[in-house]
Protein backbone atom coordinates (compact mmCIF):
# COMPACT_ATOMS: atom_id res chain seq x y z
CA UNK A 1 35.43 73.70 62.07
CA UNK A 2 36.01 74.34 65.94
CA UNK A 3 38.69 71.42 67.03
CA UNK A 4 39.96 70.53 70.37
CA UNK A 5 43.75 69.19 69.93
CA UNK A 6 44.76 67.33 72.86
CA UNK A 7 48.68 66.73 72.99
CA UNK A 8 51.19 67.52 75.42
CA UNK A 9 54.33 67.61 72.94
CA UNK A 10 54.29 71.40 72.44
CA UNK A 11 56.39 71.73 69.16
CA UNK A 12 54.20 69.14 67.36
CA UNK A 13 50.91 70.68 68.77
CA UNK A 14 52.09 74.20 67.71
CA UNK A 15 52.73 73.01 64.32
CA UNK A 16 49.41 71.20 63.78
CA UNK A 17 47.71 74.15 65.12
CA UNK A 18 49.44 76.81 62.94
CA UNK A 19 48.57 74.47 59.80
CA UNK A 20 45.09 73.98 60.85
CA UNK A 21 44.36 77.67 61.54
CA UNK A 22 45.91 78.59 58.05
CA UNK A 23 43.42 76.29 56.56
CA UNK A 24 40.35 77.95 58.37
CA UNK A 25 40.01 75.84 61.50
CA UNK A 26 39.38 77.33 64.99
CA UNK A 27 41.76 75.28 67.28
CA UNK A 28 41.92 75.04 71.09
CA UNK A 29 44.95 73.26 72.50
CA UNK A 30 44.85 71.02 75.80
CA UNK A 31 48.09 69.40 76.96
CA UNK A 32 46.38 67.24 79.60
CA UNK A 33 43.10 65.27 79.97
CA UNK A 34 42.10 67.63 82.73
CA UNK A 35 42.31 70.58 80.44
CA UNK A 36 40.71 68.61 77.45
CA UNK A 37 37.67 67.96 79.87
CA UNK A 38 37.39 71.44 80.92
CA UNK A 39 37.45 72.84 77.29
CA UNK A 40 35.25 70.15 76.07
CA UNK A 41 32.41 71.22 78.35
CA UNK A 42 32.87 74.77 77.73
CA UNK A 43 32.74 74.92 73.93
CA UNK A 44 31.05 73.02 71.28
CA UNK A 45 33.54 70.96 69.06
CA UNK A 46 33.12 69.57 65.82
CA UNK A 47 36.03 67.24 65.98
CA UNK A 48 38.69 65.91 68.57
CA UNK A 49 42.43 65.30 67.69
CA UNK A 50 43.58 62.82 70.53
CA UNK A 51 47.15 61.75 71.43
CA UNK A 52 46.97 58.38 73.45
CA UNK A 53 49.93 59.05 75.92
CA UNK A 54 49.14 62.02 77.90
CA UNK A 55 50.66 63.11 81.43
CA UNK A 56 47.54 62.34 83.51
CA UNK A 57 45.98 59.49 81.56
CA UNK A 58 45.11 57.50 78.17
CA UNK A 59 43.44 59.57 75.56
CA UNK A 60 41.64 56.45 74.51
CA UNK A 61 40.27 55.87 77.90
CA UNK A 62 38.82 59.59 77.75
CA UNK A 63 37.23 58.92 74.48
CA UNK A 64 35.51 55.64 75.60
CA UNK A 65 34.06 57.77 78.66
CA UNK A 66 32.84 60.62 76.14
CA UNK A 67 31.11 57.72 74.14
CA UNK A 68 29.62 56.11 77.03
CA UNK A 69 28.26 59.30 77.94
CA UNK A 70 26.47 59.76 74.33
CA UNK A 71 28.99 62.08 72.99
CA UNK A 72 29.17 61.58 69.37
CA UNK A 73 31.97 64.26 68.23
CA UNK A 74 34.27 62.74 65.62
CA UNK A 75 37.67 61.75 67.03
CA UNK A 76 40.95 61.38 65.17
CA UNK A 77 43.64 59.38 67.27
CA UNK A 78 47.39 60.54 66.55
CA UNK A 79 49.96 57.95 68.05
CA UNK A 80 53.39 56.48 67.63
CA UNK A 81 51.74 53.13 68.42
CA UNK A 82 51.29 51.07 65.21
CA UNK A 83 50.67 47.46 66.11
CA UNK A 84 47.34 46.09 64.79
CA UNK A 85 46.05 45.08 68.15
CA UNK A 86 46.30 48.83 69.37
CA UNK A 87 44.72 50.14 66.07
CA UNK A 88 41.94 47.88 66.50
CA UNK A 89 41.51 48.89 70.21
CA UNK A 90 41.43 52.52 68.84
CA UNK A 91 38.59 52.02 66.46
CA UNK A 92 36.65 49.74 68.90
CA UNK A 93 37.10 52.64 71.54
CA UNK A 94 35.14 55.14 69.39
CA UNK A 95 37.72 56.76 66.97
CA UNK A 96 36.68 57.84 63.59
CA UNK A 97 40.29 57.80 62.25
CA UNK A 98 43.72 57.14 63.25
CA UNK A 99 47.01 58.61 62.10
CA UNK A 100 50.46 57.51 62.84
CA UNK A 101 52.90 59.99 64.39
CA UNK A 102 54.89 62.28 63.22
CA UNK A 103 51.55 63.63 61.48
CA UNK A 104 51.75 65.14 58.22
CA UNK A 105 49.46 68.23 58.65
CA UNK A 106 48.25 68.11 54.83
CA UNK A 107 47.02 64.45 55.31
CA UNK A 108 45.53 65.40 58.57
CA UNK A 109 43.45 68.24 57.16
CA UNK A 110 42.47 66.14 54.18
CA UNK A 111 41.17 63.47 56.77
CA UNK A 112 39.48 65.99 58.73
CA UNK A 113 37.49 67.39 55.72
CA UNK A 114 36.46 63.73 54.91
CA UNK A 115 35.24 63.47 58.40
CA UNK A 116 33.28 66.89 57.98
CA UNK A 117 31.76 65.83 54.58
CA UNK A 118 30.30 62.60 56.20
CA UNK A 119 29.13 64.26 59.27
CA UNK A 120 26.99 66.83 57.11
CA UNK A 121 26.26 64.45 54.48
CA UNK A 122 27.99 65.99 51.50
CA UNK A 123 29.23 63.76 48.89
CA UNK A 124 30.64 66.23 46.47
CA UNK A 125 33.47 68.11 48.09
CA UNK A 126 32.79 71.21 45.96
CA UNK A 127 29.95 73.19 47.55
CA UNK A 128 27.89 74.90 44.97
CA UNK A 129 24.75 77.13 45.70
CA UNK A 130 23.45 79.32 43.06
CA UNK A 131 26.46 80.63 40.86
CA UNK A 132 28.84 80.45 43.90
CA UNK A 133 31.24 77.55 43.88
CA UNK A 134 33.61 76.83 47.01
CA UNK A 135 36.43 74.15 47.20
CA UNK A 136 36.89 73.63 50.61
CA UNK A 137 40.26 71.46 50.19
CA UNK A 138 42.03 74.19 47.76
CA UNK A 139 40.20 77.20 49.79
CA UNK A 140 39.22 78.67 46.34
CA UNK A 141 35.85 80.51 45.68
CA UNK A 142 34.49 81.43 42.17
CA UNK A 143 31.53 83.05 40.93
CA UNK A 144 29.94 82.06 37.62
CA UNK A 145 33.47 80.34 37.07
CA UNK A 146 35.45 83.77 37.94
CA UNK A 147 37.78 83.38 40.91
CA UNK A 148 36.86 85.57 43.77
CA UNK A 149 39.60 86.24 46.61
CA UNK A 150 38.35 86.49 50.32
CA UNK A 151 40.05 86.83 53.24
CA UNK A 152 40.55 83.76 55.64
CA UNK A 153 38.07 84.83 58.23
CA UNK A 154 35.38 85.82 55.73
CA UNK A 155 36.05 82.57 53.82
CA UNK A 156 35.38 80.57 57.04
CA UNK A 157 32.10 82.62 57.46
CA UNK A 158 31.05 81.65 53.91
CA UNK A 159 32.07 77.91 54.12
CA UNK A 160 30.00 77.72 57.44
CA UNK A 161 27.02 79.39 55.83
CA UNK A 162 27.38 77.24 52.44
CA UNK A 163 27.39 73.97 54.37
CA UNK A 164 24.23 75.08 55.64
CA UNK A 165 22.63 76.91 52.89
CA UNK A 166 19.03 77.59 52.95
CA UNK A 167 18.86 77.00 56.70
CA UNK A 168 19.28 79.51 59.70
CA UNK A 169 22.71 79.41 61.36
CA UNK A 170 22.43 80.73 64.90
CA UNK A 171 24.94 83.52 65.71
CA UNK A 172 26.18 81.57 68.84
CA UNK A 173 26.74 78.62 66.45
CA UNK A 174 28.93 80.71 64.23
CA UNK A 175 30.86 82.20 66.86
CA UNK A 176 31.86 78.97 68.39
CA UNK A 177 32.63 77.55 65.04
CA UNK A 178 35.02 80.55 64.09
CA UNK A 179 36.72 81.35 67.13
CA UNK A 180 39.08 79.71 69.49
CA UNK A 181 39.57 80.35 73.11
CA UNK A 182 42.86 82.09 72.29
CA UNK A 183 41.40 84.37 69.30
CA UNK A 184 41.31 87.97 70.27
CA UNK A 185 38.10 89.26 68.60
CA UNK A 186 36.00 92.34 69.37
CA UNK A 187 32.38 92.03 70.32
CA UNK A 188 31.18 92.92 66.79
CA UNK A 189 33.82 90.89 64.92
CA UNK A 190 31.18 88.59 63.22
CA UNK A 191 29.18 91.57 61.97
CA UNK A 192 32.19 92.97 60.51
CA UNK A 193 32.98 89.76 58.80
CA UNK A 194 29.37 89.33 57.54
CA UNK A 195 29.71 92.85 56.11
CA UNK A 196 32.70 92.40 54.46
CA UNK A 197 31.43 89.12 53.04
CA UNK A 198 28.33 90.71 51.70
CA UNK A 199 30.51 93.35 49.86
CA UNK A 200 32.39 90.60 48.07
CA UNK A 201 29.22 88.55 47.24
CA UNK A 202 27.42 91.65 45.73
CA UNK A 203 30.65 93.09 44.16
CA UNK A 204 31.12 89.90 42.21
CA UNK A 205 27.33 89.46 41.02
CA UNK A 206 27.09 86.24 43.29
CA UNK A 207 23.44 85.29 43.36
CA UNK A 208 23.46 83.97 46.90
CA UNK A 209 22.91 86.66 49.62
CA UNK A 210 23.26 86.56 53.27
CA UNK A 211 20.17 87.67 55.27
CA UNK A 212 20.07 88.58 58.96
CA UNK A 213 17.26 86.88 60.96
CA UNK A 214 16.99 89.46 63.96
CA UNK A 215 17.73 87.95 67.18
CA UNK A 216 18.63 84.65 65.82
CA UNK A 217 21.50 84.51 63.36
CA UNK A 218 21.90 84.51 59.47
CA UNK A 219 21.01 82.47 56.55
CA UNK A 220 22.60 82.11 52.85
CA UNK A 221 19.59 82.30 50.43
CA UNK A 222 18.84 82.58 46.79
CA UNK A 223 16.80 85.64 45.59
CA UNK A 224 13.94 83.25 44.48
CA UNK A 225 13.87 81.73 47.90
CA UNK A 226 13.82 85.03 49.67
CA UNK A 227 10.69 86.20 47.53
CA UNK A 228 8.81 83.13 47.99
C-alpha cells in the first residue's frame, strides 16, 4: 500500500516508516504541507497519515482542501489533541480514522489494513484464491494448508495481485504501489520479483498463476479461467 506520512517529528516518523516498511508498505515521508502537496501530485497514494500541527500549516486544513477538490484517498489523523470537539472536527473534515499520539505502530497498521479492506470491499481478512491463502495481518502464505515462505518484496507483489485476482493490474500501478521515492530499484525490479514469485508458486503446486499481459501488466488467474 503506497502511503504518504506527513509528520515533522523525525524520530516518530522514522519509527513509523520502518514499522510500515517491515509490514509491506511503501512509505514516503513529508515534513511540511508543501512537501506533502508536491508528493501527493507526483504519486498515487492509497492512504494518508497526517499530523495536525505542521511547520507551515494545519494538516486538517490541507485534508479539507483535498476533499473539496474531490480526492477520496483515505486519511488517518495522528495527533496529541484529544478533546471531543477536536475529534469531531477531524472526522467532519474528511478523516477516516484518528489515532492519539504517541502512535502504537501495531495498532496503526491494523487500522490501515481495516481501511484497505473496506476500500476494496473485502469482508474476510484472509485472501483466498484457488488453493492459495494469504493472511495480510500475520503476513503468512499457505498453499493447500502448507506454509510457504516468501521474501518481503515478492509478498507485497502477491498481496497486490491477490486483492485484484482475475483482473489485469497495470505495471505502472504495481510499481507505484510497491516502491517509495527513496527505494533504490533497478529498471527490471518488478520483472525480477514476478519471476521469483512465479517460481515460489509453481514450486509449491499453487493453482493460481501469474500471466503477463504484454504492454499492460499482469493478472493472477486460475488454470480454468486461463483456458476459457
